[in-house]
Structure formats: C-alpha cells, structure tokens
Amino acid sequence: MSERESVTVDIGGEQFTIRTDAGGDYARRCAAYLDREVGKVFSSGATVEHHRAVILAALSLTDELFRAREETEALRRKIASAAGRLAADVRAVAGTE
C-alpha cells in the first residue's frame, strides 16, 4: 500500500486539503473534473450556494457514472455472446461439436 499524500485542490473557488493514496496528480485531476462540473452549474445562470452547486455537480457525475456502468455491462454481454458464438463456430469447424 502506498503512503497517503496531502494535496490541496481548488473546487468552485474554495480550497480543500485532502489526503489520498492514489497520488497527488490523480487527486488534482479528479478535483479539476469536479471543479469543471461545478463551474457548469454556476455558468448555467443558476444562483445557488456553493455547497448546493457541488451537490448538483455530484449528481451529474453520478448520473455519468451510472450510465457508463450500464454501457460497460451491455458491452460485456455483447462480448460474451460474440465469444460464445465464435467458440461454437470454432468447435463446428474443428468437428468437435
């Protein structure tokens, strides 16, 4: 296990110090991604408090995550189906079916 690192990040104009074992660069990239989503909430013209903007951004990112997981699962099913058909074709050609 790697050593935890303290990293200061900026999200929505506020600084946060976080501890991470994933590495400072990774933590900064994650924070920058969230900061862009928070910026979208503010640039939409909505007048919201900072913590509400972060919550709205988090909901947007959660939606993005769930959609990506659904897409990944659908692709896994397609690959498994194609692999099954390919294995059956190989067995048929080899005469083992």
N, C-alpha and C. Protein backbone atom coordinates (compact mmCIF):
# COMPACT_ATOMS: atom_id res chain seq x y z
N MET A 1 0.84 -1.18 0.00
CA MET A 1 0.00 0.00 0.00
C MET A 1 0.89 1.24 0.00
N SER A 2 0.52 2.22 -0.82
CA SER A 2 1.33 3.42 -0.92
C SER A 2 1.02 4.37 0.24
N GLU A 3 1.93 5.28 0.45
CA GLU A 3 1.78 6.25 1.53
C GLU A 3 0.77 7.32 1.14
N ARG A 4 -0.03 7.73 2.10
CA ARG A 4 -1.03 8.78 1.84
C ARG A 4 -0.33 10.13 1.70
N GLU A 5 -0.85 10.92 0.79
CA GLU A 5 -0.27 12.21 0.46
C GLU A 5 -1.32 13.29 0.69
N SER A 6 -0.92 14.41 1.24
CA SER A 6 -1.83 15.55 1.38
C SER A 6 -1.72 16.42 0.14
N VAL A 7 -2.87 16.79 -0.40
CA VAL A 7 -2.92 17.58 -1.63
C VAL A 7 -3.96 18.68 -1.43
N THR A 8 -3.63 19.89 -1.83
CA THR A 8 -4.59 20.98 -1.78
C THR A 8 -5.17 21.16 -3.18
N VAL A 9 -6.49 21.18 -3.25
CA VAL A 9 -7.18 21.32 -4.54
C VAL A 9 -8.16 22.49 -4.45
N ASP A 10 -8.55 22.99 -5.60
CA ASP A 10 -9.50 24.10 -5.68
C ASP A 10 -10.75 23.59 -6.38
N ILE A 11 -11.88 23.70 -5.70
CA ILE A 11 -13.17 23.29 -6.28
C ILE A 11 -14.16 24.43 -6.06
N GLY A 12 -14.62 25.00 -7.16
CA GLY A 12 -15.60 26.08 -7.06
C GLY A 12 -15.08 27.31 -6.35
N GLY A 13 -13.79 27.55 -6.48
CA GLY A 13 -13.21 28.74 -5.87
C GLY A 13 -12.84 28.56 -4.40
N GLU A 14 -13.03 27.38 -3.86
CA GLU A 14 -12.65 27.11 -2.48
C GLU A 14 -11.54 26.07 -2.46
N GLN A 15 -10.62 26.23 -1.52
CA GLN A 15 -9.52 25.28 -1.41
C GLN A 15 -9.84 24.23 -0.36
N PHE A 16 -9.43 23.00 -0.70
CA PHE A 16 -9.62 21.86 0.19
C PHE A 16 -8.30 21.09 0.24
N THR A 17 -7.93 20.67 1.43
CA THR A 17 -6.77 19.79 1.56
C THR A 17 -7.31 18.39 1.80
N ILE A 18 -6.90 17.49 0.93
CA ILE A 18 -7.36 16.10 1.03
C ILE A 18 -6.15 15.19 1.17
N ARG A 19 -6.38 14.04 1.75
CA ARG A 19 -5.34 13.01 1.86
C ARG A 19 -5.73 11.87 0.92
N THR A 20 -4.75 11.43 0.14
CA THR A 20 -5.01 10.41 -0.86
C THR A 20 -3.86 9.42 -0.95
N ASP A 21 -4.19 8.19 -1.23
CA ASP A 21 -3.13 7.22 -1.51
C ASP A 21 -3.06 6.92 -3.01
N ALA A 22 -3.87 7.64 -3.79
CA ALA A 22 -3.88 7.45 -5.25
C ALA A 22 -2.86 8.34 -5.94
N GLY A 23 -2.24 9.23 -5.22
CA GLY A 23 -1.26 10.14 -5.81
C GLY A 23 -1.82 11.53 -6.01
N GLY A 24 -0.96 12.51 -5.82
CA GLY A 24 -1.38 13.90 -5.92
C GLY A 24 -1.89 14.29 -7.29
N ASP A 25 -1.22 13.83 -8.34
CA ASP A 25 -1.66 14.20 -9.69
C ASP A 25 -3.06 13.67 -9.98
N TYR A 26 -3.31 12.44 -9.56
CA TYR A 26 -4.64 11.85 -9.77
C TYR A 26 -5.70 12.63 -8.99
N ALA A 27 -5.40 12.96 -7.75
CA ALA A 27 -6.35 13.71 -6.92
C ALA A 27 -6.63 15.07 -7.54
N ARG A 28 -5.59 15.72 -8.07
CA ARG A 28 -5.79 17.03 -8.71
C ARG A 28 -6.64 16.91 -9.97
N ARG A 29 -6.42 15.83 -10.75
CA ARG A 29 -7.25 15.63 -11.95
C ARG A 29 -8.71 15.41 -11.57
N CYS A 30 -8.95 14.61 -10.53
CA CYS A 30 -10.32 14.38 -10.07
C CYS A 30 -10.96 15.68 -9.61
N ALA A 31 -10.23 16.46 -8.84
CA ALA A 31 -10.75 17.73 -8.33
C ALA A 31 -11.01 18.70 -9.49
N ALA A 32 -10.14 18.71 -10.48
CA ALA A 32 -10.33 19.60 -11.64
C ALA A 32 -11.58 19.21 -12.41
N TYR A 33 -11.82 17.91 -12.52
CA TYR A 33 -13.02 17.43 -13.22
C TYR A 33 -14.28 17.89 -12.47
N LEU A 34 -14.27 17.72 -11.14
CA LEU A 34 -15.40 18.17 -10.33
C LEU A 34 -15.54 19.69 -10.42
N ASP A 35 -14.43 20.40 -10.40
CA ASP A 35 -14.46 21.86 -10.49
C ASP A 35 -15.12 22.31 -11.80
N ARG A 36 -14.82 21.61 -12.90
CA ARG A 36 -15.46 21.95 -14.18
C ARG A 36 -16.97 21.73 -14.10
N GLU A 37 -17.40 20.65 -13.45
CA GLU A 37 -18.84 20.39 -13.30
C GLU A 37 -19.51 21.45 -12.43
N VAL A 38 -18.84 21.85 -11.37
CA VAL A 38 -19.36 22.92 -10.51
C VAL A 38 -19.45 24.21 -11.32
N GLY A 39 -18.45 24.47 -12.13
CA GLY A 39 -18.46 25.66 -12.99
C GLY A 39 -19.63 25.65 -13.95
N LYS A 40 -20.01 24.48 -14.45
CA LYS A 40 -21.17 24.38 -15.34
C LYS A 40 -22.44 24.78 -14.61
N VAL A 41 -22.56 24.40 -13.34
CA VAL A 41 -23.75 24.77 -12.56
C VAL A 41 -23.81 26.29 -12.44
N PHE A 42 -22.67 26.92 -12.10
CA PHE A 42 -22.65 28.37 -11.95
C PHE A 42 -22.85 29.08 -13.29
N SER A 43 -22.29 28.53 -14.37
CA SER A 43 -22.42 29.20 -15.67
C SER A 43 -23.80 29.02 -16.29
N SER A 44 -24.61 28.13 -15.71
CA SER A 44 -25.95 27.93 -16.23
C SER A 44 -26.88 29.08 -15.87
N GLY A 45 -26.36 30.00 -15.07
CA GLY A 45 -27.17 31.14 -14.65
C GLY A 45 -27.88 30.90 -13.34
N ALA A 46 -27.74 29.71 -12.81
CA ALA A 46 -28.39 29.39 -11.54
C ALA A 46 -27.70 30.16 -10.41
N THR A 47 -28.50 30.69 -9.53
CA THR A 47 -27.96 31.36 -8.35
C THR A 47 -28.12 30.38 -7.19
N VAL A 48 -27.02 29.72 -6.87
CA VAL A 48 -27.05 28.70 -5.82
C VAL A 48 -25.85 28.89 -4.90
N GLU A 49 -26.01 28.41 -3.70
CA GLU A 49 -24.90 28.42 -2.75
C GLU A 49 -23.86 27.40 -3.20
N HIS A 50 -22.64 27.63 -2.74
CA HIS A 50 -21.53 26.77 -3.16
C HIS A 50 -21.81 25.30 -2.89
N HIS A 51 -22.25 24.98 -1.69
CA HIS A 51 -22.44 23.56 -1.37
C HIS A 51 -23.55 22.95 -2.22
N ARG A 52 -24.55 23.73 -2.60
CA ARG A 52 -25.61 23.21 -3.47
C ARG A 52 -25.08 22.99 -4.89
N ALA A 53 -24.20 23.86 -5.35
CA ALA A 53 -23.59 23.68 -6.67
C ALA A 53 -22.76 22.40 -6.69
N VAL A 54 -22.04 22.13 -5.61
CA VAL A 54 -21.25 20.91 -5.53
C VAL A 54 -22.16 19.69 -5.52
N ILE A 55 -23.27 19.76 -4.80
CA ILE A 55 -24.21 18.64 -4.77
C ILE A 55 -24.80 18.40 -6.16
N LEU A 56 -25.19 19.46 -6.86
CA LEU A 56 -25.73 19.31 -8.21
C LEU A 56 -24.68 18.72 -9.16
N ALA A 57 -23.44 19.18 -9.02
CA ALA A 57 -22.37 18.62 -9.84
C ALA A 57 -22.15 17.15 -9.52
N ALA A 58 -22.20 16.81 -8.23
CA ALA A 58 -22.03 15.41 -7.83
C ALA A 58 -23.14 14.54 -8.40
N LEU A 59 -24.36 15.06 -8.41
CA LEU A 59 -25.47 14.30 -9.01
C LEU A 59 -25.25 14.10 -10.50
N SER A 60 -24.76 15.12 -11.17
CA SER A 60 -24.48 15.00 -12.60
C SER A 60 -23.39 13.95 -12.85
N LEU A 61 -22.36 13.97 -12.02
CA LEU A 61 -21.28 12.99 -12.17
C LEU A 61 -21.75 11.58 -11.82
N THR A 62 -22.64 11.46 -10.84
CA THR A 62 -23.18 10.15 -10.50
C THR A 62 -24.00 9.60 -11.66
N ASP A 63 -24.78 10.46 -12.31
CA ASP A 63 -25.52 10.04 -13.49
C ASP A 63 -24.56 9.57 -14.58
N GLU A 64 -23.49 10.32 -14.79
CA GLU A 64 -22.49 9.94 -15.79
C GLU A 64 -21.89 8.58 -15.45
N LEU A 65 -21.57 8.36 -14.18
CA LEU A 65 -21.00 7.08 -13.73
C LEU A 65 -21.98 5.94 -13.98
N PHE A 66 -23.24 6.12 -13.57
CA PHE A 66 -24.23 5.05 -13.73
C PHE A 66 -24.45 4.71 -15.21
N ARG A 67 -24.51 5.73 -16.06
CA ARG A 67 -24.67 5.48 -17.49
C ARG A 67 -23.47 4.73 -18.06
N ALA A 68 -22.27 5.10 -17.63
CA ALA A 68 -21.06 4.42 -18.10
C ALA A 68 -21.05 2.97 -17.63
N ARG A 69 -21.49 2.72 -16.41
CA ARG A 69 -21.56 1.34 -15.91
C ARG A 69 -22.56 0.52 -16.71
N GLU A 70 -23.72 1.11 -17.02
CA GLU A 70 -24.73 0.40 -17.82
C GLU A 70 -24.18 0.08 -19.21
N GLU A 71 -23.50 1.04 -19.81
CA GLU A 71 -22.91 0.83 -21.13
C GLU A 71 -21.83 -0.25 -21.08
N THR A 72 -21.01 -0.22 -20.04
CA THR A 72 -19.98 -1.24 -19.88
C THR A 72 -20.58 -2.63 -19.74
N GLU A 73 -21.64 -2.74 -18.95
CA GLU A 73 -22.30 -4.04 -18.76
C GLU A 73 -22.91 -4.52 -20.07
N ALA A 74 -23.53 -3.63 -20.82
CA ALA A 74 -24.10 -4.02 -22.12
C ALA A 74 -23.00 -4.50 -23.06
N LEU A 75 -21.86 -3.83 -23.06
CA LEU A 75 -20.74 -4.27 -23.90
C LEU A 75 -20.20 -5.61 -23.45
N ARG A 76 -20.14 -5.84 -22.14
CA ARG A 76 -19.69 -7.15 -21.64
C ARG A 76 -20.61 -8.26 -22.12
N ARG A 77 -21.92 -7.99 -22.08
CA ARG A 77 -22.87 -9.01 -22.55
C ARG A 77 -22.68 -9.28 -24.04
N LYS A 78 -22.48 -8.23 -24.84
CA LYS A 78 -22.26 -8.40 -26.28
C LYS A 78 -20.99 -9.20 -26.54
N ILE A 79 -19.93 -8.89 -25.82
CA ILE A 79 -18.66 -9.60 -26.00
C ILE A 79 -18.82 -11.06 -25.61
N ALA A 80 -19.49 -11.33 -24.49
CA ALA A 80 -19.70 -12.72 -24.05
C ALA A 80 -20.51 -13.49 -25.08
N SER A 81 -21.52 -12.86 -25.64
CA SER A 81 -22.34 -13.50 -26.66
C SER A 81 -21.52 -13.78 -27.92
N ALA A 82 -20.75 -12.79 -28.35
CA ALA A 82 -19.92 -12.97 -29.54
C ALA A 82 -18.86 -14.05 -29.30
N ALA A 83 -18.28 -14.08 -28.10
CA ALA A 83 -17.28 -15.10 -27.79
C ALA A 83 -17.91 -16.49 -27.80
N GLY A 84 -19.13 -16.60 -27.30
CA GLY A 84 -19.84 -17.88 -27.31
C GLY A 84 -20.10 -18.36 -28.73
N ARG A 85 -20.54 -17.44 -29.60
CA ARG A 85 -20.78 -17.80 -31.00
C ARG A 85 -19.48 -18.19 -31.69
N LEU A 86 -18.43 -17.46 -31.42
CA LEU A 86 -17.13 -17.76 -32.02
C LEU A 86 -16.63 -19.13 -31.56
N ALA A 87 -16.76 -19.43 -30.28
CA ALA A 87 -16.33 -20.74 -29.76
C ALA A 87 -17.12 -21.86 -30.42
N ALA A 88 -18.45 -21.65 -30.60
CA ALA A 88 -19.27 -22.66 -31.26
C ALA A 88 -18.84 -22.84 -32.71
N ASP A 89 -18.52 -21.74 -33.39
CA ASP A 89 -18.05 -21.83 -34.78
C ASP A 89 -16.72 -22.58 -34.87
N VAL A 90 -15.83 -22.31 -33.94
CA VAL A 90 -14.52 -22.99 -33.93
C VAL A 90 -14.72 -24.49 -33.68
N ARG A 91 -15.59 -24.83 -32.73
CA ARG A 91 -15.87 -26.26 -32.47
C ARG A 91 -16.48 -26.92 -33.69
N ALA A 92 -17.36 -26.21 -34.39
CA ALA A 92 -18.02 -26.79 -35.57
C ALA A 92 -16.99 -27.03 -36.67
N VAL A 93 -16.10 -26.08 -36.87
CA VAL A 93 -15.07 -26.22 -37.91
C VAL A 93 -14.10 -27.35 -37.52
N ALA A 94 -13.80 -27.46 -36.25
CA ALA A 94 -12.87 -28.49 -35.80
C ALA A 94 -13.54 -29.86 -35.74
N GLY A 95 -14.86 -29.89 -35.89
CA GLY A 95 -15.58 -31.14 -35.87
C GLY A 95 -15.77 -31.73 -34.49
N THR A 96 -15.71 -30.91 -33.48
CA THR A 96 -15.86 -31.42 -32.10
C THR A 96 -17.25 -31.14 -31.57
N GLU A 97 -18.13 -30.70 -32.40
CA GLU A 97 -19.47 -30.40 -31.89
C GLU A 97 -20.46 -31.45 -32.30
